[in-house]
Amino acid sequence: MPFRFRSAVIGVVAIAAAATTVIAQSKPNFSGTYALVVDKSNFGPMPGPTSRTDVFDHQEPKLVVKRTIGGAEGEQAVTLTMAIDGKSHTNPTPQGDFVSVLAWDGDVLVITTSVETGGGTATIVDRMSLSADKKTLTQNRSISVAGQEIAQVMVLERK
């Protein structure tokens, strides 16, 4: 192989490796405390909470979310322990066992959760993204249950 061609190939491989490293590093770290901004959020036909605070401890691939939600029935707290590994993770909650699978879609964290309800199995797909300045977490949610689809958008700001 001529020297120039070999140098070009080595250069392309080096650039590809660097690009892969940049892509791998582009995954956001959600660690931090976020509070729901009710007036910027849209809960669709469902009543929304009056307050919500999420504390994320994100040590890739592990993700722990301590969520406190306030509403008409008072305050509820739950801790969800998961990993972004494409495997099922079960967390007991007051609404039943949440079985979640987490994966990256570019820099968006996709959490697909199933839970048994009185109306059958509900499937919840959350697409979590951080703003460029890491101050706003947006949770686009799709809920599928009993043949109905509900879309929600929750906006949380870093405290």
C-alpha atoms as a PDB file:
ATOM      1  CA  MET A   1       0.000   0.000   0.000  1.00  0.00           C
ATOM      2  CA  PRO A   2       1.527   3.343  -1.011  1.00  0.00           C
ATOM      3  CA  PHE A   3       2.491   5.621   1.858  1.00  0.00           C
ATOM      4  CA  ARG A   4       0.062   8.429   0.859  1.00  0.00           C
ATOM      5  CA  PHE A   5      -2.900   6.056   0.619  1.00  0.00           C
ATOM      6  CA  ARG A   6      -2.019   4.432   3.946  1.00  0.00           C
ATOM      7  CA  SER A   7      -1.724   7.866   5.573  1.00  0.00           C
ATOM      8  CA  ALA A   8      -5.125   8.856   4.186  1.00  0.00           C
ATOM      9  CA  VAL A   9      -6.722   5.638   5.482  1.00  0.00           C
ATOM     10  CA  ILE A  10      -5.135   6.129   8.911  1.00  0.00           C
ATOM     11  CA  GLY A  11      -6.399   9.721   8.914  1.00  0.00           C
ATOM     12  CA  VAL A  12      -9.962   8.641   8.054  1.00  0.00           C
ATOM     13  CA  VAL A  13      -9.898   5.941  10.741  1.00  0.00           C
ATOM     14  CA  ALA A  14      -8.611   8.443  13.303  1.00  0.00           C
ATOM     15  CA  ILE A  15     -11.351  10.939  12.403  1.00  0.00           C
ATOM     16  CA  ALA A  16     -14.005   8.209  12.592  1.00  0.00           C
ATOM     17  CA  ALA A  17     -12.712   7.123  15.998  1.00  0.00           C
ATOM     18  CA  ALA A  18     -12.740  10.714  17.242  1.00  0.00           C
ATOM     19  CA  ALA A  19     -16.288  11.192  15.918  1.00  0.00           C
ATOM     20  CA  THR A  20     -17.410   8.030  17.687  1.00  0.00           C
ATOM     21  CA  THR A  21     -15.880   9.307  20.922  1.00  0.00           C
ATOM     22  CA  VAL A  22     -17.677  12.642  20.531  1.00  0.00           C
ATOM     23  CA  ILE A  23     -20.957  10.862  19.811  1.00  0.00           C
ATOM     24  CA  ALA A  24     -20.526   8.615  22.853  1.00  0.00           C
ATOM     25  CA  GLN A  25     -19.802  11.641  25.021  1.00  0.00           C
ATOM     26  CA  SER A  26     -22.832  13.569  23.705  1.00  0.00           C
ATOM     27  CA  LYS A  27     -25.240  11.725  26.014  1.00  0.00           C
ATOM     28  CA  PRO A  28     -26.510  14.191  28.606  1.00  0.00           C
ATOM     29  CA  ASN A  29     -26.151  13.578  32.305  1.00  0.00           C
ATOM     30  CA  PHE A  30     -29.480  14.216  34.029  1.00  0.00           C
ATOM     31  CA  SER A  31     -28.041  14.453  37.561  1.00  0.00           C
ATOM     32  CA  GLY A  32     -29.644  17.302  39.470  1.00  0.00           C
ATOM     33  CA  THR A  33     -32.883  18.483  41.050  1.00  0.00           C
ATOM     34  CA  TYR A  34     -35.727  19.639  38.811  1.00  0.00           C
ATOM     35  CA  ALA A  35     -39.081  21.218  39.677  1.00  0.00           C
ATOM     36  CA  LEU A  36     -42.186  20.999  37.488  1.00  0.00           C
ATOM     37  CA  VAL A  37     -43.314  24.256  35.878  1.00  0.00           C
ATOM     38  CA  VAL A  38     -47.067  23.621  35.875  1.00  0.00           C
ATOM     39  CA  ASP A  39     -48.024  26.563  33.627  1.00  0.00           C
ATOM     40  CA  LYS A  40     -45.517  25.474  30.924  1.00  0.00           C
ATOM     41  CA  SER A  41     -46.696  21.848  31.029  1.00  0.00           C
ATOM     42  CA  ASN A  42     -49.629  20.197  29.236  1.00  0.00           C
ATOM     43  CA  PHE A  43     -51.305  17.184  30.841  1.00  0.00           C
ATOM     44  CA  GLY A  44     -53.877  16.620  28.102  1.00  0.00           C
ATOM     45  CA  PRO A  45     -57.276  15.439  29.361  1.00  0.00           C
ATOM     46  CA  MET A  46     -55.824  14.208  32.660  1.00  0.00           C
ATOM     47  CA  PRO A  47     -55.536  16.384  35.753  1.00  0.00           C
ATOM     48  CA  GLY A  48     -51.947  17.375  36.397  1.00  0.00           C
ATOM     49  CA  PRO A  49     -50.133  17.528  39.712  1.00  0.00           C
ATOM     50  CA  THR A  50     -49.914  20.755  41.654  1.00  0.00           C
ATOM     51  CA  SER A  51     -46.194  20.159  42.198  1.00  0.00           C
ATOM     52  CA  ARG A  52     -43.438  17.712  41.324  1.00  0.00           C
ATOM     53  CA  THR A  53     -39.765  17.516  42.171  1.00  0.00           C
ATOM     54  CA  ASP A  54     -37.401  15.008  40.568  1.00  0.00           C
ATOM     55  CA  VAL A  55     -33.934  14.338  41.951  1.00  0.00           C
ATOM     56  CA  PHE A  56     -31.831  12.485  39.369  1.00  0.00           C
ATOM     57  CA  ASP A  57     -28.664  10.583  40.238  1.00  0.00           C
ATOM     58  CA  HIS A  58     -27.304   9.588  36.818  1.00  0.00           C
ATOM     59  CA  GLN A  59     -24.123   7.518  36.810  1.00  0.00           C
ATOM     60  CA  GLU A  60     -24.240   6.022  33.298  1.00  0.00           C
ATOM     61  CA  PRO A  61     -25.730   3.500  32.823  1.00  0.00           C
ATOM     62  CA  LYS A  62     -27.379   3.631  36.289  1.00  0.00           C
ATOM     63  CA  LEU A  63     -30.239   6.084  36.845  1.00  0.00           C
ATOM     64  CA  VAL A  64     -32.025   6.701  40.137  1.00  0.00           C
ATOM     65  CA  VAL A  65     -34.971   9.105  40.201  1.00  0.00           C
ATOM     66  CA  LYS A  66     -36.471  10.264  43.497  1.00  0.00           C
ATOM     67  CA  ARG A  67     -39.812  11.810  42.543  1.00  0.00           C
ATOM     68  CA  THR A  68     -42.184  13.687  44.854  1.00  0.00           C
ATOM     69  CA  ILE A  69     -45.589  14.607  43.434  1.00  0.00           C
ATOM     70  CA  GLY A  70     -48.216  16.828  45.057  1.00  0.00           C
ATOM     71  CA  GLY A  71     -51.858  16.764  44.057  1.00  0.00           C
ATOM     72  CA  ALA A  72     -55.453  16.623  45.260  1.00  0.00           C
ATOM     73  CA  GLU A  73     -54.751  13.397  47.202  1.00  0.00           C
ATOM     74  CA  GLY A  74     -51.734  14.861  48.978  1.00  0.00           C
ATOM     75  CA  GLU A  75     -48.067  14.150  48.387  1.00  0.00           C
ATOM     76  CA  GLN A  76     -46.557  10.886  47.127  1.00  0.00           C
ATOM     77  CA  ALA A  77     -42.889   9.980  46.903  1.00  0.00           C
ATOM     78  CA  VAL A  78     -41.329   7.173  44.892  1.00  0.00           C
ATOM     79  CA  THR A  79     -37.780   6.104  44.085  1.00  0.00           C
ATOM     80  CA  LEU A  80     -37.147   4.515  40.700  1.00  0.00           C
ATOM     81  CA  THR A  81     -33.882   2.592  40.257  1.00  0.00           C
ATOM     82  CA  MET A  82     -33.056   1.675  36.675  1.00  0.00           C
ATOM     83  CA  ALA A  83     -30.249   1.376  34.136  1.00  0.00           C
ATOM     84  CA  ILE A  84     -29.971   2.609  30.567  1.00  0.00           C
ATOM     85  CA  ASP A  85     -29.179  -0.834  29.230  1.00  0.00           C
ATOM     86  CA  GLY A  86     -32.198  -2.042  27.238  1.00  0.00           C
ATOM     87  CA  LYS A  87     -33.196  -4.482  30.007  1.00  0.00           C
ATOM     88  CA  SER A  88     -36.378  -4.532  32.116  1.00  0.00           C
ATOM     89  CA  HIS A  89     -36.257  -2.898  35.538  1.00  0.00           C
ATOM     90  CA  THR A  90     -39.147  -3.303  38.007  1.00  0.00           C
ATOM     91  CA  ASN A  91     -39.987  -0.659  40.606  1.00  0.00           C
ATOM     92  CA  PRO A  92     -42.897  -0.920  43.064  1.00  0.00           C
ATOM     93  CA  THR A  93     -45.061   2.228  43.187  1.00  0.00           C
ATOM     94  CA  PRO A  94     -48.423   3.083  44.776  1.00  0.00           C
ATOM     95  CA  GLN A  95     -49.958   2.602  41.284  1.00  0.00           C
ATOM     96  CA  GLY A  96     -48.473  -0.904  40.902  1.00  0.00           C
ATOM     97  CA  ASP A  97     -45.194  -2.322  39.666  1.00  0.00           C
ATOM     98  CA  PHE A  98     -43.606  -0.190  36.955  1.00  0.00           C
ATOM     99  CA  VAL A  99     -41.595  -2.302  34.509  1.00  0.00           C
ATOM    100  CA  SER A 100     -39.295   0.025  32.544  1.00  0.00           C
ATOM    101  CA  VAL A 101     -36.811  -0.343  29.703  1.00  0.00           C
ATOM    102  CA  LEU A 102     -34.405   2.546  29.072  1.00  0.00           C
ATOM    103  CA  ALA A 103     -32.456   3.336  25.911  1.00  0.00           C
ATOM    104  CA  TRP A 104     -30.843   6.303  24.183  1.00  0.00           C
ATOM    105  CA  ASP A 105     -32.250   7.757  20.966  1.00  0.00           C
ATOM    106  CA  GLY A 106     -29.424  10.144  20.112  1.00  0.00           C
ATOM    107  CA  ASP A 107     -29.275  12.491  23.115  1.00  0.00           C
ATOM    108  CA  VAL A 108     -32.886  11.735  24.144  1.00  0.00           C
ATOM    109  CA  LEU A 109     -33.465   9.243  26.946  1.00  0.00           C
ATOM    110  CA  VAL A 110     -36.417   6.989  26.096  1.00  0.00           C
ATOM    111  CA  ILE A 111     -38.125   5.230  29.004  1.00  0.00           C
ATOM    112  CA  THR A 112     -40.824   2.706  28.076  1.00  0.00           C
ATOM    113  CA  THR A 113     -42.861   1.624  31.089  1.00  0.00           C
ATOM    114  CA  SER A 114     -45.674  -0.908  31.508  1.00  0.00           C
ATOM    115  CA  VAL A 115     -48.028  -1.005  34.478  1.00  0.00           C
ATOM    116  CA  GLU A 116     -51.191  -3.019  35.097  1.00  0.00           C
ATOM    117  CA  THR A 117     -54.289  -0.870  35.651  1.00  0.00           C
ATOM    118  CA  GLY A 118     -57.990  -1.566  36.125  1.00  0.00           C
ATOM    119  CA  GLY A 119     -58.403  -0.905  32.398  1.00  0.00           C
ATOM    120  CA  GLY A 120     -55.599  -3.255  31.328  1.00  0.00           C
ATOM    121  CA  THR A 121     -51.909  -2.738  30.721  1.00  0.00           C
ATOM    122  CA  ALA A 122     -50.865   0.880  30.335  1.00  0.00           C
ATOM    123  CA  THR A 123     -47.780   1.619  28.265  1.00  0.00           C
ATOM    124  CA  ILE A 124     -46.039   4.902  28.983  1.00  0.00           C
ATOM    125  CA  VAL A 125     -43.288   6.178  26.717  1.00  0.00           C
ATOM    126  CA  ASP A 126     -41.286   9.101  28.098  1.00  0.00           C
ATOM    127  CA  ARG A 127     -38.813  10.947  25.886  1.00  0.00           C
ATOM    128  CA  MET A 128     -36.570  12.962  28.215  1.00  0.00           C
ATOM    129  CA  SER A 129     -34.329  15.714  26.904  1.00  0.00           C
ATOM    130  CA  LEU A 130     -32.181  18.431  28.432  1.00  0.00           C
ATOM    131  CA  SER A 131     -31.838  21.923  27.006  1.00  0.00           C
ATOM    132  CA  ALA A 132     -28.400  22.977  25.776  1.00  0.00           C
ATOM    133  CA  ASP A 133     -27.818  25.013  28.964  1.00  0.00           C
ATOM    134  CA  LYS A 134     -28.942  21.981  31.056  1.00  0.00           C
ATOM    135  CA  LYS A 135     -31.465  24.137  32.949  1.00  0.00           C
ATOM    136  CA  THR A 136     -34.663  22.700  31.442  1.00  0.00           C
ATOM    137  CA  LEU A 137     -35.714  19.061  31.309  1.00  0.00           C
ATOM    138  CA  THR A 138     -38.577  18.316  28.915  1.00  0.00           C
ATOM    139  CA  GLN A 139     -40.531  15.091  29.280  1.00  0.00           C
ATOM    140  CA  ASN A 140     -42.683  14.242  26.258  1.00  0.00           C
ATOM    141  CA  ARG A 141     -45.033  11.465  27.349  1.00  0.00           C
ATOM    142  CA  SER A 142     -47.324   9.155  25.408  1.00  0.00           C
ATOM    143  CA  ILE A 143     -49.748   6.990  27.385  1.00  0.00           C
ATOM    144  CA  SER A 144     -51.539   4.064  25.746  1.00  0.00           C
ATOM    145  CA  VAL A 145     -54.271   2.244  27.665  1.00  0.00           C
ATOM    146  CA  ALA A 146     -57.520   0.514  26.709  1.00  0.00           C
ATOM    147  CA  GLY A 147     -57.206   1.659  23.093  1.00  0.00           C
ATOM    148  CA  GLN A 148     -56.784   5.322  24.049  1.00  0.00           C
ATOM    149  CA  GLU A 149     -53.749   7.512  23.440  1.00  0.00           C
ATOM    150  CA  ILE A 150     -52.896  10.471  25.651  1.00  0.00           C
ATOM    151  CA  ALA A 151     -50.054  12.927  24.991  1.00  0.00           C
ATOM    152  CA  GLN A 152     -48.476  15.055  27.692  1.00  0.00           C
ATOM    153  CA  VAL A 153     -45.544  17.450  27.912  1.00  0.00           C
ATOM    154  CA  MET A 154     -43.957  18.221  31.260  1.00  0.00           C
ATOM    155  CA  VAL A 155     -41.417  20.995  31.643  1.00  0.00           C
ATOM    156  CA  LEU A 156     -39.104  20.922  34.644  1.00  0.00           C
ATOM    157  CA  GLU A 157     -36.480  23.501  35.568  1.00  0.00           C
ATOM    158  CA  ARG A 158     -33.224  22.845  37.413  1.00  0.00           C
ATOM    159  CA  LYS A 159     -33.209  24.134  40.957  1.00  0.00           C
END
